[in-house]
């Protein structure tokens, strides 16, 4: 499944002239590739797990339906952040 951004870019590329496509190819080939020290999100999760920072890698969220209707809870009085700061003093 391709993203909307990719689809839009592909449509734009189709509209380019042959010379513009060649220029695009040249620029893409010159694009910097990630170095071995740069980690993907999965690699970072693995490194955190091995280091003991996290005890498990959570499963990715695939169903966003529970979050779509989310509304914050109204609280009376001062902000919770202020209450926490006051209690720490």
Protein backbone atom coordinates (compact mmCIF):
# COMPACT_ATOMS: atom_id res chain seq x y z
CA UNK A 1 0.00 0.00 0.00
CA UNK A 2 1.57 3.25 -1.11
CA UNK A 3 1.12 6.47 0.79
CA UNK A 4 -0.72 9.46 -0.60
CA UNK A 5 2.53 11.43 -0.63
CA UNK A 6 4.26 8.79 -2.74
CA UNK A 7 1.34 8.66 -5.16
CA UNK A 8 1.42 12.44 -5.51
CA UNK A 9 5.18 12.43 -6.14
CA UNK A 10 4.86 9.68 -8.73
CA UNK A 11 2.20 11.68 -10.57
CA UNK A 12 4.51 14.69 -10.58
CA UNK A 13 7.41 12.57 -11.88
CA UNK A 14 5.27 11.26 -14.73
CA UNK A 15 4.71 14.87 -15.83
CA UNK A 16 8.46 15.58 -16.09
CA UNK A 17 10.33 15.76 -19.37
CA UNK A 18 13.04 13.20 -20.16
CA UNK A 19 15.76 15.72 -19.25
CA UNK A 20 14.05 16.53 -15.95
CA UNK A 21 13.75 12.81 -15.14
CA UNK A 22 17.46 12.36 -15.83
CA UNK A 23 18.23 15.28 -13.51
CA UNK A 24 15.98 13.72 -10.86
CA UNK A 25 17.81 10.37 -11.23
CA UNK A 26 21.16 12.10 -10.79
CA UNK A 27 20.01 13.92 -7.68
CA UNK A 28 18.46 10.79 -6.16
CA UNK A 29 21.66 8.82 -6.74
CA UNK A 30 23.61 11.58 -4.98
CA UNK A 31 21.17 11.52 -2.04
CA UNK A 32 23.01 10.55 1.15
CA UNK A 33 22.29 7.06 2.41
CA UNK A 34 21.97 6.38 6.14
CA UNK A 35 25.25 5.49 7.81
CA UNK A 36 25.54 2.32 9.89
CA UNK A 37 25.44 4.43 13.06
CA UNK A 38 21.97 5.74 12.18
CA UNK A 39 19.33 3.34 13.51
CA UNK A 40 15.86 2.59 12.39
CA UNK A 41 13.10 2.60 14.97
CA UNK A 42 13.13 -1.21 15.17
CA UNK A 43 16.88 -1.28 15.72
CA UNK A 44 16.53 1.33 18.44
CA UNK A 45 13.84 -0.76 20.15
CA UNK A 46 16.16 -3.77 20.06
CA UNK A 47 19.07 -1.77 21.49
CA UNK A 48 16.89 -0.44 24.32
CA UNK A 49 15.69 -3.97 25.08
CA UNK A 50 19.22 -5.40 25.16
CA UNK A 51 20.41 -2.51 27.36
CA UNK A 52 17.60 -3.20 29.82
CA UNK A 53 16.02 0.22 29.41
CA UNK A 54 12.75 -1.42 28.37
CA UNK A 55 11.50 -4.90 29.35
CA UNK A 56 9.53 -5.61 26.16
CA UNK A 57 8.87 -4.16 22.73
CA UNK A 58 5.19 -3.23 22.47
CA UNK A 59 3.24 -4.36 19.45
CA UNK A 60 2.55 -1.59 16.94
CA UNK A 61 -0.85 0.07 17.13
CA UNK A 62 -2.84 -1.09 14.12
CA UNK A 63 -6.38 -0.12 15.14
CA UNK A 64 -6.68 3.63 15.63
CA UNK A 65 -10.45 3.56 16.20
CA UNK A 66 -10.21 3.82 20.03
CA UNK A 67 -8.17 7.02 19.70
CA UNK A 68 -10.32 8.86 17.14
CA UNK A 69 -13.05 9.90 19.58
CA UNK A 70 -10.66 10.74 22.43
CA UNK A 71 -11.51 13.82 24.43
CA UNK A 72 -9.50 15.18 27.38
CA UNK A 73 -11.01 14.95 30.84
CA UNK A 74 -12.06 18.30 32.32
CA UNK A 75 -10.55 18.89 35.77
CA UNK A 76 -11.69 21.45 38.33
CA UNK A 77 -9.13 23.68 40.01
CA UNK A 78 -5.55 24.33 39.10
CA UNK A 79 -3.74 22.33 36.40
CA UNK A 80 -2.56 18.85 37.36
CA UNK A 81 1.03 19.82 36.51
CA UNK A 82 0.92 22.51 39.21
CA UNK A 83 -0.50 20.04 41.74
CA UNK A 84 2.34 17.61 41.03
CA UNK A 85 4.95 20.35 41.45
CA UNK A 86 3.38 21.49 44.74
CA UNK A 87 3.31 17.92 46.08
CA UNK A 88 7.00 17.43 45.24
CA UNK A 89 7.99 20.43 47.37
